[in-house]
Amino acid sequence: MEFFDVLRSRISIRKYKDTPVEQEKIDELIDLMRIAPSARNRQEWKFVAVTEEEQLNKLRIACESRGPAMTAPLIFCICATEYNSMNDSGYNRGTIDASIATTYLHLATYGMGLGSCWIGSFDSDMATEIIGCPEGTRVITIVTVGYPDETPNPRPRKTFDEVAVYNHF
């Protein structure tokens, strides 16, 4: 699959087969997140792959059981290890870097024939505690991953003219 095809056709998957994701694929996904760009190349992150049923169930509670997406056999917690670090513009570096790595994860899952869904709402304190983050480390994003058990239609996207301007608004 061509890279631009991946960008144009990737879609969130919220229904997964019971098939576990192979360890080799999990390792490859982590390796691909690892090479994502980060502020000053500091790479202040940890990627936690959760596959144990007890941990999955705890994370499902932290995510308020966000529907069928939470039935995935694999949940990634993308963590910032220096959560309080701000850039010169006043934005949290950990949030930005974790979001970039999360985007790499989504593209990689699709390229491997897997599906993924970014869980946009969860109890960050609870998730951070569940996976045992050390002091100063925090779960920034949660992504469900598995083999798709659905083929949803693409969601509508705004047109180019609705989102793009040149030089000023």
C-alpha atoms as a PDB file:
ATOM      1  CA  MET A   1       0.000   0.000   0.000  1.00  0.00           C
ATOM      2  CA  GLU A   2       1.348   3.409  -0.963  1.00  0.00           C
ATOM      3  CA  PHE A   3       1.952   5.879   1.857  1.00  0.00           C
ATOM      4  CA  PHE A   4      -0.492   8.505   0.579  1.00  0.00           C
ATOM      5  CA  ASP A   5      -3.137   5.793   0.209  1.00  0.00           C
ATOM      6  CA  VAL A   6      -2.651   4.968   3.896  1.00  0.00           C
ATOM      7  CA  LEU A   7      -3.126   8.638   4.794  1.00  0.00           C
ATOM      8  CA  ARG A   8      -6.249   8.980   2.678  1.00  0.00           C
ATOM      9  CA  SER A   9      -7.975   5.708   3.571  1.00  0.00           C
ATOM     10  CA  ARG A  10      -7.208   5.048   7.254  1.00  0.00           C
ATOM     11  CA  ILE A  11     -10.357   5.157   9.387  1.00  0.00           C
ATOM     12  CA  SER A  12     -11.087   4.520  13.065  1.00  0.00           C
ATOM     13  CA  ILE A  13     -12.181   0.993  13.895  1.00  0.00           C
ATOM     14  CA  ARG A  14     -14.491   0.455  16.838  1.00  0.00           C
ATOM     15  CA  LYS A  15     -15.320  -3.240  16.454  1.00  0.00           C
ATOM     16  CA  TYR A  16     -12.599  -5.879  16.658  1.00  0.00           C
ATOM     17  CA  LYS A  17     -12.281  -9.615  16.181  1.00  0.00           C
ATOM     18  CA  ASP A  18     -11.275 -11.713  19.200  1.00  0.00           C
ATOM     19  CA  THR A  19      -8.001 -12.551  17.470  1.00  0.00           C
ATOM     20  CA  PRO A  20      -4.974 -11.499  19.530  1.00  0.00           C
ATOM     21  CA  VAL A  21      -2.409  -9.245  17.876  1.00  0.00           C
ATOM     22  CA  GLU A  22       0.837 -11.138  17.374  1.00  0.00           C
ATOM     23  CA  GLN A  23       3.813 -10.156  19.548  1.00  0.00           C
ATOM     24  CA  GLU A  24       5.898  -9.429  16.442  1.00  0.00           C
ATOM     25  CA  LYS A  25       3.330  -6.883  15.281  1.00  0.00           C
ATOM     26  CA  ILE A  26       3.141  -5.281  18.729  1.00  0.00           C
ATOM     27  CA  ASP A  27       6.923  -4.955  18.773  1.00  0.00           C
ATOM     28  CA  GLU A  28       6.908  -3.455  15.273  1.00  0.00           C
ATOM     29  CA  LEU A  29       4.236  -0.919  16.277  1.00  0.00           C
ATOM     30  CA  ILE A  30       6.313   0.137  19.286  1.00  0.00           C
ATOM     31  CA  ASP A  31       9.400   0.407  17.122  1.00  0.00           C
ATOM     32  CA  LEU A  32       7.562   2.624  14.633  1.00  0.00           C
ATOM     33  CA  MET A  33       6.278   4.900  17.422  1.00  0.00           C
ATOM     34  CA  ARG A  34       9.822   5.056  18.757  1.00  0.00           C
ATOM     35  CA  ILE A  35      11.081   6.756  15.592  1.00  0.00           C
ATOM     36  CA  ALA A  36       8.442   9.518  15.624  1.00  0.00           C
ATOM     37  CA  PRO A  37       9.805  13.058  15.894  1.00  0.00           C
ATOM     38  CA  SER A  38       9.905  14.667  19.333  1.00  0.00           C
ATOM     39  CA  ALA A  39      10.809  18.082  20.734  1.00  0.00           C
ATOM     40  CA  ARG A  40      14.579  18.502  20.639  1.00  0.00           C
ATOM     41  CA  ASN A  41      14.719  14.747  19.927  1.00  0.00           C
ATOM     42  CA  ARG A  42      14.339  14.164  23.667  1.00  0.00           C
ATOM     43  CA  GLN A  43      12.050  11.135  23.172  1.00  0.00           C
ATOM     44  CA  GLU A  44      10.503  11.560  26.602  1.00  0.00           C
ATOM     45  CA  TRP A  45       7.922   8.839  26.256  1.00  0.00           C
ATOM     46  CA  LYS A  46       7.049   5.262  27.096  1.00  0.00           C
ATOM     47  CA  PHE A  47       4.711   3.064  25.092  1.00  0.00           C
ATOM     48  CA  VAL A  48       2.774   0.568  27.191  1.00  0.00           C
ATOM     49  CA  ALA A  49       1.184  -2.325  25.291  1.00  0.00           C
ATOM     50  CA  VAL A  50      -1.599  -3.858  27.381  1.00  0.00           C
ATOM     51  CA  THR A  51      -2.755  -7.362  26.463  1.00  0.00           C
ATOM     52  CA  GLU A  52      -3.512  -8.994  29.835  1.00  0.00           C
ATOM     53  CA  GLU A  53      -7.257  -9.318  30.345  1.00  0.00           C
ATOM     54  CA  GLU A  54      -7.187  -7.995  33.927  1.00  0.00           C
ATOM     55  CA  GLN A  55      -5.317  -4.840  32.860  1.00  0.00           C
ATOM     56  CA  LEU A  56      -7.555  -4.425  29.806  1.00  0.00           C
ATOM     57  CA  ASN A  57     -10.632  -4.553  32.044  1.00  0.00           C
ATOM     58  CA  LYS A  58      -9.189  -1.924  34.379  1.00  0.00           C
ATOM     59  CA  LEU A  59      -8.394   0.362  31.445  1.00  0.00           C
ATOM     60  CA  ARG A  60     -11.918  -0.131  30.114  1.00  0.00           C
ATOM     61  CA  ILE A  61     -13.186   1.298  33.396  1.00  0.00           C
ATOM     62  CA  ALA A  62     -10.764   4.241  33.132  1.00  0.00           C
ATOM     63  CA  CYS A  63     -12.107   4.846  29.625  1.00  0.00           C
ATOM     64  CA  GLU A  64     -15.692   4.687  30.874  1.00  0.00           C
ATOM     65  CA  SER A  65     -16.260   1.673  28.581  1.00  0.00           C
ATOM     66  CA  ARG A  66     -16.232   3.803  25.431  1.00  0.00           C
ATOM     67  CA  GLY A  67     -18.405   1.368  23.514  1.00  0.00           C
ATOM     68  CA  PRO A  68     -17.269  -1.483  21.307  1.00  0.00           C
ATOM     69  CA  ALA A  69     -13.822   0.023  20.707  1.00  0.00           C
ATOM     70  CA  MET A  70     -12.909  -1.010  24.219  1.00  0.00           C
ATOM     71  CA  THR A  71     -13.273  -4.699  23.306  1.00  0.00           C
ATOM     72  CA  ALA A  72      -9.945  -4.581  21.460  1.00  0.00           C
ATOM     73  CA  PRO A  73      -7.427  -7.272  22.434  1.00  0.00           C
ATOM     74  CA  LEU A  74      -4.661  -4.653  22.642  1.00  0.00           C
ATOM     75  CA  ILE A  75      -4.660  -1.206  24.190  1.00  0.00           C
ATOM     76  CA  PHE A  76      -1.716   1.148  23.949  1.00  0.00           C
ATOM     77  CA  CYS A  77      -1.094   3.793  26.569  1.00  0.00           C
ATOM     78  CA  ILE A  78       1.237   6.444  25.204  1.00  0.00           C
ATOM     79  CA  CYS A  79       2.913   8.185  28.125  1.00  0.00           C
ATOM     80  CA  ALA A  80       4.965  11.341  28.584  1.00  0.00           C
ATOM     81  CA  THR A  81       7.885  10.801  30.958  1.00  0.00           C
ATOM     82  CA  GLU A  82       8.456  14.532  31.498  1.00  0.00           C
ATOM     83  CA  TYR A  83       4.845  15.642  31.639  1.00  0.00           C
ATOM     84  CA  ASN A  84       5.425  19.116  33.084  1.00  0.00           C
ATOM     85  CA  SER A  85       7.918  20.220  30.422  1.00  0.00           C
ATOM     86  CA  MET A  86       6.645  23.193  28.408  1.00  0.00           C
ATOM     87  CA  ASN A  87       7.946  24.544  25.130  1.00  0.00           C
ATOM     88  CA  ASP A  88       8.692  28.223  24.510  1.00  0.00           C
ATOM     89  CA  SER A  89       5.152  28.753  23.224  1.00  0.00           C
ATOM     90  CA  GLY A  90       3.676  27.517  26.500  1.00  0.00           C
ATOM     91  CA  TYR A  91       2.478  24.147  25.215  1.00  0.00           C
ATOM     92  CA  ASN A  92       3.144  20.858  26.933  1.00  0.00           C
ATOM     93  CA  ARG A  93       5.928  18.996  25.099  1.00  0.00           C
ATOM     94  CA  GLY A  94       4.761  15.630  26.390  1.00  0.00           C
ATOM     95  CA  THR A  95       1.269  16.085  24.982  1.00  0.00           C
ATOM     96  CA  ILE A  96       2.604  17.172  21.596  1.00  0.00           C
ATOM     97  CA  ASP A  97       5.200  14.394  21.355  1.00  0.00           C
ATOM     98  CA  ALA A  98       2.776  11.683  22.504  1.00  0.00           C
ATOM     99  CA  SER A  99       0.247  12.879  19.930  1.00  0.00           C
ATOM    100  CA  ILE A 100       2.808  12.622  17.134  1.00  0.00           C
ATOM    101  CA  ALA A 101       3.748   9.084  18.236  1.00  0.00           C
ATOM    102  CA  THR A 102       0.041   8.226  18.416  1.00  0.00           C
ATOM    103  CA  THR A 103      -0.410   9.356  14.829  1.00  0.00           C
ATOM    104  CA  TYR A 104       2.475   7.085  13.794  1.00  0.00           C
ATOM    105  CA  LEU A 105       0.715   4.245  15.640  1.00  0.00           C
ATOM    106  CA  HIS A 106      -2.543   4.808  13.747  1.00  0.00           C
ATOM    107  CA  LEU A 107      -0.833   4.856  10.362  1.00  0.00           C
ATOM    108  CA  ALA A 108       1.276   1.790  11.197  1.00  0.00           C
ATOM    109  CA  THR A 109      -1.713  -0.248  12.384  1.00  0.00           C
ATOM    110  CA  TYR A 110      -3.551   0.435   9.161  1.00  0.00           C
ATOM    111  CA  GLY A 111      -0.486  -0.430   7.096  1.00  0.00           C
ATOM    112  CA  MET A 112      -0.326  -3.807   8.911  1.00  0.00           C
ATOM    113  CA  GLY A 113      -3.975  -4.654   8.298  1.00  0.00           C
ATOM    114  CA  LEU A 114      -4.960  -3.807  11.866  1.00  0.00           C
ATOM    115  CA  GLY A 115      -7.490  -1.266  13.063  1.00  0.00           C
ATOM    116  CA  SER A 116      -7.194   1.377  15.749  1.00  0.00           C
ATOM    117  CA  CYS A 117      -9.237   3.975  17.566  1.00  0.00           C
ATOM    118  CA  TRP A 118      -7.979   6.973  19.548  1.00  0.00           C
ATOM    119  CA  ILE A 119      -9.910   7.038  22.824  1.00  0.00           C
ATOM    120  CA  GLY A 120     -10.565  10.727  23.292  1.00  0.00           C
ATOM    121  CA  SER A 121     -11.960  10.658  26.797  1.00  0.00           C
ATOM    122  CA  PHE A 122     -10.573   8.747  29.760  1.00  0.00           C
ATOM    123  CA  ASP A 123      -9.638   9.219  33.392  1.00  0.00           C
ATOM    124  CA  SER A 124      -5.950  10.054  33.016  1.00  0.00           C
ATOM    125  CA  ASP A 125      -5.183   9.727  36.723  1.00  0.00           C
ATOM    126  CA  MET A 126      -6.780   6.288  36.844  1.00  0.00           C
ATOM    127  CA  ALA A 127      -5.051   5.085  33.649  1.00  0.00           C
ATOM    128  CA  THR A 128      -1.707   6.412  34.911  1.00  0.00           C
ATOM    129  CA  GLU A 129      -2.179   4.475  38.152  1.00  0.00           C
ATOM    130  CA  ILE A 130      -3.414   1.275  36.454  1.00  0.00           C
ATOM    131  CA  ILE A 131      -0.293   0.876  34.336  1.00  0.00           C
ATOM    132  CA  GLY A 132       1.991   1.925  37.198  1.00  0.00           C
ATOM    133  CA  CYS A 133       3.552   5.077  35.789  1.00  0.00           C
ATOM    134  CA  PRO A 134       6.411   6.400  37.917  1.00  0.00           C
ATOM    135  CA  GLU A 135       6.322   9.925  39.369  1.00  0.00           C
ATOM    136  CA  GLY A 136       6.357  12.572  36.628  1.00  0.00           C
ATOM    137  CA  THR A 137       5.047  10.191  33.953  1.00  0.00           C
ATOM    138  CA  ARG A 138       1.475  10.400  32.711  1.00  0.00           C
ATOM    139  CA  VAL A 139      -0.774   8.626  30.199  1.00  0.00           C
ATOM    140  CA  ILE A 140      -1.439  11.111  27.409  1.00  0.00           C
ATOM    141  CA  THR A 141      -3.271   9.025  24.826  1.00  0.00           C
ATOM    142  CA  ILE A 142      -5.005   5.667  24.763  1.00  0.00           C
ATOM    143  CA  VAL A 143      -5.435   3.726  21.517  1.00  0.00           C
ATOM    144  CA  THR A 144      -7.307   0.467  20.976  1.00  0.00           C
ATOM    145  CA  VAL A 145      -5.793  -1.902  18.413  1.00  0.00           C
ATOM    146  CA  GLY A 146      -6.917  -5.160  16.853  1.00  0.00           C
ATOM    147  CA  TYR A 147      -8.082  -6.939  13.748  1.00  0.00           C
ATOM    148  CA  PRO A 148     -11.097  -5.082  12.323  1.00  0.00           C
ATOM    149  CA  ASP A 149     -14.500  -6.739  12.539  1.00  0.00           C
ATOM    150  CA  GLU A 150     -16.185  -3.975  10.578  1.00  0.00           C
ATOM    151  CA  THR A 151     -15.656  -1.936   7.440  1.00  0.00           C
ATOM    152  CA  PRO A 152     -17.144   1.460   8.237  1.00  0.00           C
ATOM    153  CA  ASN A 153     -17.766   4.059   5.586  1.00  0.00           C
ATOM    154  CA  PRO A 154     -15.377   7.004   5.641  1.00  0.00           C
ATOM    155  CA  ARG A 155     -16.555   9.913   7.767  1.00  0.00           C
ATOM    156  CA  PRO A 156     -17.229  13.199   5.982  1.00  0.00           C
ATOM    157  CA  ARG A 157     -14.259  15.541   5.799  1.00  0.00           C
ATOM    158  CA  LYS A 158     -14.281  19.292   5.358  1.00  0.00           C
ATOM    159  CA  THR A 159     -13.200  20.505   1.949  1.00  0.00           C
ATOM    160  CA  PHE A 160      -9.763  21.932   1.284  1.00  0.00           C
ATOM    161  CA  ASP A 161     -11.206  25.455   1.063  1.00  0.00           C
ATOM    162  CA  GLU A 162     -12.897  25.062   4.456  1.00  0.00           C
ATOM    163  CA  VAL A 163      -9.627  24.319   6.254  1.00  0.00           C
ATOM    164  CA  ALA A 164      -6.858  25.993   4.252  1.00  0.00           C
ATOM    165  CA  VAL A 165      -5.769  29.614   3.984  1.00  0.00           C
ATOM    166  CA  TYR A 166      -2.542  31.196   2.844  1.00  0.00           C
ATOM    167  CA  ASN A 167      -0.634  33.875   4.758  1.00  0.00           C
ATOM    168  CA  HIS A 168      -3.537  34.982   6.996  1.00  0.00           C
ATOM    169  CA  PHE A 169      -7.197  34.315   7.806  1.00  0.00           C
END
